[in-house]
Protein backbone atom coordinates (compact mmCIF):
# COMPACT_ATOMS: atom_id res chain seq x y z
CA MET A 1 39.29 -16.52 -84.06
CA GLU A 2 40.16 -20.18 -84.64
CA TYR A 3 43.69 -19.45 -83.46
CA LEU A 4 42.35 -17.91 -80.27
CA GLY A 5 40.09 -20.93 -79.81
CA ARG A 6 43.05 -23.30 -79.99
CA GLU A 7 45.00 -21.24 -77.45
CA LEU A 8 42.11 -21.15 -75.03
CA ASN A 9 41.28 -24.83 -75.47
CA GLN A 10 44.77 -25.72 -74.30
CA LEU A 11 43.81 -24.45 -70.88
CA SER A 12 41.67 -27.57 -70.42
CA VAL A 13 44.82 -29.71 -70.01
CA ASN A 14 46.31 -27.31 -67.44
CA ASP A 15 45.67 -28.76 -63.98
CA ASN A 16 46.12 -25.32 -62.37
CA PHE A 17 43.37 -23.74 -64.45
CA ASN A 18 39.86 -23.69 -62.97
CA PHE A 19 36.84 -23.50 -65.22
CA HIS A 20 33.86 -21.29 -64.57
CA PRO A 21 31.28 -23.22 -62.50
CA ARG A 22 29.47 -25.87 -64.59
CA CYS A 23 31.66 -25.28 -67.64
CA ARG A 24 34.33 -27.93 -67.12
CA LYS A 25 32.43 -30.84 -68.69
CA LEU A 26 31.97 -28.74 -71.82
CA ASN A 27 35.59 -27.51 -71.80
CA SER A 28 34.08 -24.07 -72.30
CA VAL A 29 36.12 -20.95 -71.59
CA HIS A 30 34.91 -18.58 -74.31
CA ILE A 31 32.06 -17.69 -76.66
CA CYS A 32 32.56 -15.75 -79.89
CA PHE A 33 29.91 -13.52 -81.44
CA ALA A 34 29.99 -11.46 -84.62
CA ASP A 35 32.08 -8.68 -83.10
CA ASP A 36 32.20 -9.62 -79.41
CA LEU A 37 34.20 -12.06 -77.32
CA LEU A 38 33.19 -13.45 -73.93
CA MET A 39 35.86 -15.25 -71.87
CA TYR A 40 35.21 -16.75 -68.45
CA CYS A 41 36.80 -18.85 -65.69
CA ARG A 42 36.73 -19.23 -61.93
CA ALA A 43 37.52 -15.95 -60.16
CA ASP A 44 40.95 -16.89 -58.78
CA LEU A 45 44.21 -15.18 -59.61
CA ILE A 46 45.94 -18.19 -61.24
CA SER A 47 43.06 -19.02 -63.59
CA VAL A 48 42.63 -15.40 -64.62
CA LYS A 49 46.35 -15.12 -65.32
CA PHE A 50 46.29 -18.19 -67.61
CA LEU A 51 43.23 -16.90 -69.45
CA ASN A 52 44.77 -13.45 -69.89
CA GLU A 53 48.11 -14.89 -71.06
CA ALA A 54 46.36 -16.99 -73.72
CA PHE A 55 44.63 -13.89 -75.06
CA ILE A 56 47.91 -11.90 -75.02
CA ILE A 57 49.58 -14.62 -77.14
CA PHE A 58 46.75 -14.36 -79.66
CA SER A 59 46.90 -10.56 -79.59
CA LYS A 60 50.65 -10.42 -80.28
CA ALA A 61 50.45 -13.03 -83.03
CA LEU A 62 47.77 -11.24 -85.05
CA GLY A 63 48.35 -7.66 -83.91
CA LEU A 64 44.80 -7.30 -82.57
CA GLN A 65 44.35 -5.28 -79.40
CA ALA A 66 41.38 -5.27 -77.06
CA ASN A 67 39.66 -1.90 -76.69
CA LEU A 68 39.59 -1.40 -72.93
CA GLU A 69 37.04 1.41 -73.25
CA LYS A 70 34.58 -1.11 -74.72
CA SER A 71 35.61 -4.01 -72.49
CA SER A 72 33.97 -4.99 -69.21
CA LEU A 73 35.01 -7.26 -66.35
CA TYR A 74 32.47 -9.00 -64.10
CA ILE A 75 33.61 -10.54 -60.82
CA THR A 76 31.26 -12.10 -58.29
CA GLY A 77 31.26 -14.59 -55.43
CA VAL A 78 34.68 -13.64 -54.06
CA ALA A 79 36.03 -11.42 -51.29
CA ASP A 80 36.89 -7.77 -51.92
CA HIS A 81 40.63 -8.33 -51.61
CA THR A 82 40.44 -10.99 -54.35
CA LYS A 83 38.59 -8.58 -56.60
CA GLU A 84 41.31 -5.99 -56.07
CA GLU A 85 44.00 -8.52 -57.01
CA LEU A 86 42.17 -9.47 -60.19
CA LEU A 87 41.58 -5.86 -61.19
CA LYS A 88 45.25 -5.07 -60.65
CA GLU A 89 46.35 -8.10 -62.66
CA LEU A 90 44.19 -7.15 -65.65
CA GLY A 91 44.75 -3.40 -65.45
CA TYR A 92 41.15 -2.47 -64.71
CA ALA A 93 39.83 0.06 -62.23
CA ALA A 94 36.82 -0.58 -60.04
CA VAL A 95 33.75 1.53 -60.86
CA SER A 96 30.95 2.01 -58.36
CA TRP A 97 27.44 0.93 -59.24
CA GLU A 98 26.29 4.48 -58.62
CA THR A 99 28.59 5.71 -61.41
CA ILE A 100 27.48 2.97 -63.80
CA CYS A 101 23.85 4.00 -63.36
CA LYS A 102 24.52 7.63 -64.28
CA PRO A 103 23.54 8.92 -67.76
CA HIS A 104 26.07 8.76 -70.60
CA ALA A 105 26.44 12.54 -70.46
CA THR A 106 27.82 12.34 -66.91
CA GLY A 107 30.19 9.43 -67.51
CA GLY A 108 27.91 6.51 -66.67
CA LEU A 109 26.46 3.66 -68.71
CA ASN A 110 22.84 4.74 -68.26
CA ILE A 111 21.95 1.40 -66.62
CA MET A 112 18.79 1.38 -64.53
CA ASP A 113 19.40 1.12 -60.79
CA LEU A 114 16.83 -1.58 -59.99
CA CYS A 115 17.21 -1.13 -56.23
CA LEU A 116 16.40 2.56 -56.51
CA TRP A 117 13.58 1.85 -58.96
CA ASN A 118 12.10 -0.75 -56.59
CA ARG A 119 12.23 1.62 -53.64
CA THR A 120 10.56 4.34 -55.70
CA ALA A 121 7.79 1.96 -56.75
CA ILE A 122 7.16 0.93 -53.13
CA LEU A 123 6.99 4.55 -51.97
CA LYS A 124 4.53 5.31 -54.78
CA GLN A 125 2.22 2.59 -53.47
CA LEU A 126 2.61 3.99 -49.93
CA ARG A 127 1.54 7.39 -51.23
CA ASN A 128 -1.45 5.82 -52.96
CA ILE A 129 -2.52 4.21 -49.68
CA ALA A 130 -2.02 7.46 -47.76
CA ARG A 131 -4.15 9.35 -50.29
CA SER A 132 -6.78 6.56 -50.48
CA LYS A 133 -6.46 6.35 -54.24
CA GLU A 134 -9.44 4.84 -56.01
CA CYS A 135 -8.13 1.35 -56.63
CA LEU A 136 -9.71 -1.90 -55.47
CA TRP A 137 -6.82 -3.17 -53.35
CA ILE A 138 -6.30 0.13 -51.49
CA PRO A 139 -9.74 0.19 -49.79
CA TRP A 140 -9.11 -3.46 -48.95
CA VAL A 141 -5.86 -2.51 -47.15
CA HIS A 142 -7.63 0.29 -45.28
CA THR A 143 -10.53 -1.95 -44.30
CA TYR A 144 -8.59 -4.94 -43.01
CA PHE A 145 -5.23 -3.54 -41.85
CA ILE A 146 -5.25 0.23 -41.29
CA ARG A 147 -8.79 0.40 -39.88
CA ARG A 148 -9.20 4.18 -39.76
CA GLN A 149 -5.83 4.72 -38.08
CA ARG A 150 -3.21 7.11 -39.37
CA ILE A 151 -0.93 5.34 -41.77
CA GLU A 152 2.10 6.97 -40.09
CA ILE A 153 1.57 5.18 -36.76
CA VAL A 154 -0.49 2.08 -37.54
CA GLN A 155 1.15 -1.13 -36.36
CA ILE A 156 2.30 -3.31 -39.25
CA PRO A 157 0.06 -6.41 -39.01
CA LYS A 158 1.82 -9.75 -39.00
CA SER A 159 -1.16 -11.33 -40.73
CA ALA A 160 -0.75 -9.11 -43.79
CA SER A 161 1.03 -10.34 -46.89
CA TRP A 162 4.72 -9.54 -47.26
CA VAL A 163 3.84 -6.99 -49.95
CA VAL A 164 1.59 -4.98 -47.62
CA ARG A 165 4.14 -5.21 -44.78
CA LYS A 166 6.89 -4.00 -47.11
CA ILE A 167 4.86 -1.02 -48.28
CA LEU A 168 3.91 0.06 -44.75
CA ALA A 169 7.48 -0.39 -43.52
CA ALA A 170 8.60 2.08 -46.19
CA ARG A 171 7.42 4.86 -43.83
CA ASN A 172 10.81 4.57 -42.13
CA TRP A 173 12.63 5.34 -45.39
CA ILE A 174 10.93 8.70 -45.57
CA LEU A 175 11.97 9.77 -42.08
CA GLN A 176 15.47 8.32 -42.28
CA GLY A 177 16.13 9.74 -45.71
CA GLN A 178 14.66 13.21 -45.30
CA VAL A 179 15.10 13.98 -41.61
CA SER A 180 18.00 12.19 -39.93
CA HIS A 181 21.02 13.73 -41.66
CA ASP A 182 19.57 17.24 -41.92
CA LEU A 183 18.36 17.08 -38.33
CA LYS A 184 21.76 16.23 -36.89
CA PHE A 185 23.48 19.00 -38.83
CA ILE A 186 20.89 21.67 -37.95
CA VAL A 187 20.92 20.74 -34.25
CA TRP A 188 24.73 20.88 -34.23
CA LEU A 189 24.62 24.38 -35.72
CA ALA A 190 21.95 25.45 -33.25
CA ILE A 191 23.84 24.19 -30.20
CA HIS A 192 26.85 26.22 -31.33
CA LYS A 193 24.58 29.16 -32.25
CA ARG A 194 25.83 29.14 -35.83
CA LEU A 195 22.53 28.95 -37.70
CA ALA A 196 22.47 31.40 -40.60
CA THR A 197 19.87 33.75 -39.14
CA VAL A 198 19.27 37.12 -40.80
CA ASP A 199 21.54 39.07 -38.42
CA LYS A 200 24.48 36.86 -39.46
CA LEU A 201 23.64 37.04 -43.18
CA VAL A 202 23.57 40.85 -43.06
CA LYS A 203 27.12 40.86 -41.65
CA PHE A 204 28.24 39.01 -44.79
CA GLY A 205 26.63 41.65 -46.99
CA ILE A 206 23.64 39.54 -48.01
CA GLN A 207 20.60 41.71 -48.61
CA ILE A 208 17.51 40.09 -47.11
CA PRO A 209 14.50 41.40 -45.16
CA ARG A 210 15.51 41.66 -41.51
CA GLU A 211 12.10 40.91 -40.04
CA CYS A 212 11.44 37.51 -38.52
CA ALA A 213 9.68 35.35 -41.12
CA TYR A 214 7.41 33.91 -38.42
CA CYS A 215 6.02 36.97 -36.67
CA GLY A 216 7.37 39.92 -38.71
CA LEU A 217 7.53 42.05 -35.55
CA THR A 218 11.28 42.43 -35.01
CA ASP A 219 14.67 41.55 -36.48
CA GLU A 220 15.45 37.87 -36.79
CA THR A 221 18.21 36.64 -34.48
CA PHE A 222 18.92 33.27 -32.94
CA SER A 223 17.63 34.42 -29.55
CA HIS A 224 14.46 35.83 -31.04
CA LEU A 225 13.79 32.74 -33.17
CA TYR A 226 13.92 30.24 -30.29
CA PHE A 227 12.98 32.36 -27.25
CA ASP A 228 11.09 35.56 -28.03
CA CYS A 229 9.12 34.95 -31.22
CA GLN A 230 5.35 35.09 -30.62
CA ILE A 231 4.85 32.10 -32.95
CA THR A 232 7.53 29.73 -31.66
CA LYS A 233 7.83 30.65 -27.98
CA ASP A 234 5.07 28.23 -26.98
CA LEU A 235 7.05 25.34 -28.46
CA VAL A 236 10.42 25.86 -26.75
CA ILE A 237 11.85 26.28 -23.27
CA GLN A 238 13.09 29.81 -22.76
CA ASP A 239 16.44 29.06 -21.10
CA TRP A 240 18.48 27.69 -24.03
CA GLU A 241 21.72 27.02 -22.15
CA THR A 242 19.91 25.08 -19.40
CA LYS A 243 18.00 23.10 -22.00
CA VAL A 244 21.15 22.16 -23.90
CA ARG A 245 22.91 21.00 -20.73
CA TRP A 246 19.85 18.95 -19.79
CA VAL A 247 19.71 17.31 -23.24
CA CYS A 248 23.42 16.48 -23.08
CA LEU A 249 22.84 14.85 -19.70
CA MET A 250 19.90 12.83 -21.07
CA ALA A 251 21.94 11.77 -24.10
CA LYS A 252 24.35 9.89 -21.84
CA LYS A 253 21.56 7.72 -20.49
CA LYS A 254 20.40 4.54 -22.22
CA LEU A 255 16.82 4.70 -21.01
CA GLY A 256 14.14 4.80 -23.68
CA LEU A 257 12.42 7.85 -22.21
CA ALA A 258 15.68 9.82 -22.11
CA GLU A 259 16.39 9.00 -25.75
CA ILE A 260 12.88 10.08 -26.71
CA GLU A 261 13.25 13.40 -24.91
CA CYS A 262 16.53 14.10 -26.72
CA SER A 263 14.98 13.17 -30.04
CA VAL A 264 11.98 15.44 -29.40
CA PHE A 265 14.33 18.35 -28.66
CA GLY A 266 16.27 17.71 -31.86
CA MET A 267 13.10 17.45 -33.95
CA LEU A 268 11.74 20.68 -32.45
CA VAL A 269 14.92 22.63 -33.22
CA TYR A 270 15.03 21.20 -36.73
CA ILE A 271 11.37 21.81 -37.59
CA ILE A 272 11.43 25.43 -36.37
CA TRP A 273 14.39 26.13 -38.65
CA ARG A 274 12.95 24.17 -41.58
CA GLU A 275 9.58 25.92 -41.40
CA LEU A 276 11.29 29.31 -41.10
CA ASN A 277 12.95 28.76 -44.48
CA ARG A 278 9.77 27.34 -45.97
CA ILE A 279 7.87 30.49 -44.96
CA ARG A 280 10.58 32.78 -46.29
CA PHE A 281 11.23 31.07 -49.63
CA GLN A 282 8.02 29.14 -50.34
CA HIS A 283 5.43 31.35 -48.59
CA GLY A 284 4.33 28.47 -46.37
CA LYS A 285 2.42 28.58 -43.10
CA VAL A 286 3.04 26.91 -39.77
CA LYS A 287 0.65 25.67 -37.08
CA ASP A 288 1.65 24.48 -33.63
CA GLU A 289 -0.59 21.43 -33.87
CA ASN A 290 1.02 20.36 -37.14
CA VAL A 291 4.50 20.69 -35.67
CA LEU A 292 3.57 18.63 -32.62
CA ARG A 293 1.80 16.06 -34.78
CA GLU A 294 4.89 15.58 -36.95
CA ILE A 295 7.13 15.15 -33.90
CA VAL A 296 4.81 12.57 -32.33
CA MET A 297 4.51 10.73 -35.64
CA HIS A 298 8.30 10.66 -35.97
CA MET A 299 8.71 9.31 -32.45
CA HIS A 300 6.24 6.46 -32.97
CA ILE A 301 7.57 5.41 -36.36
CA LYS A 302 11.16 5.54 -35.18
CA GLY A 303 10.18 3.70 -32.00
CA GLN A 304 9.04 0.68 -34.00
CA THR A 305 12.70 -0.21 -34.62
CA ARG A 306 13.92 0.58 -31.08
CA ALA A 307 12.98 -1.87 -28.34
CA THR A 308 13.86 0.58 -25.54
CA TRP A 309 11.44 3.15 -26.98
CA GLN A 310 8.39 0.92 -27.29
CA CYS A 311 7.69 0.58 -23.57
CA ALA A 312 8.24 4.30 -22.99
CA LEU A 313 5.91 5.22 -25.87
CA GLN A 314 3.22 2.96 -24.49
CA GLN A 315 3.52 4.70 -21.15
CA LEU A 316 3.24 8.11 -22.77
CA HIS A 317 0.33 6.90 -24.90
CA VAL A 318 0.26 10.03 -27.02
CA TYR A 319 -0.76 9.77 -30.65
CA PRO A 320 -1.31 12.52 -33.19
């Protein structure tokens, strides 16, 4: 390794070579361990080329090759296009952080995703507050900040510490993560009448009870589910085509109330379909008041991040 050290030390007299930040005064470009080598410089193409060429000279002289499968490259503080140039120069391929955090068995390095871990820890504390877990600080939060309100709609107090504000703000993660993407897809299917109701599944040869999972009185079809079912008919407007045209008209407006009405329609369509599958596959139960409560809760939590919604919600003044 002394030969490699001499080759790398010659870079200090090269005016075009840039040291890693705060390493120039020490003329430091590498550190050798028992069976590991760490080389570093500023993340620019010229400096990386010089560093790589010095290692190639050493490699050819002694016949020692770097094992790329056990080698890693760390680049930070530069633009993406610079990273791509450096990766191309050294023959590396970029690997996403998501892949790195996967287990060894699935091709990752089994590195803990601290961002995901942090989010999980915050949501656990939110659950503890929602369930009023027996812990000294949780009654304190309820007493001074929540004050017998529902945690889903309580205003996040500015006087609270940043930790409490962060935990309460995590309510939005739940709705955005579990509802938004599924909701859009289900509503799109419903508008085009392509939801996989029982009558459609039977046509594909799938054997499943034909009765509506809600009422059990007649065969399940799209029309029955959203118009005729004794359980859901009180939640929806009977004329589907008129309702869809009205929602499309509202969607073109930028008024807060119009956006809320469209969102309520989407939530209603989504929840009816979601609860149908929960009843069928998980033997769940549905209550109108719970459905309406969830929609109102969703509107108020989502409205906290939308200025146009806040005034409209105050005018409606409806809380679960």
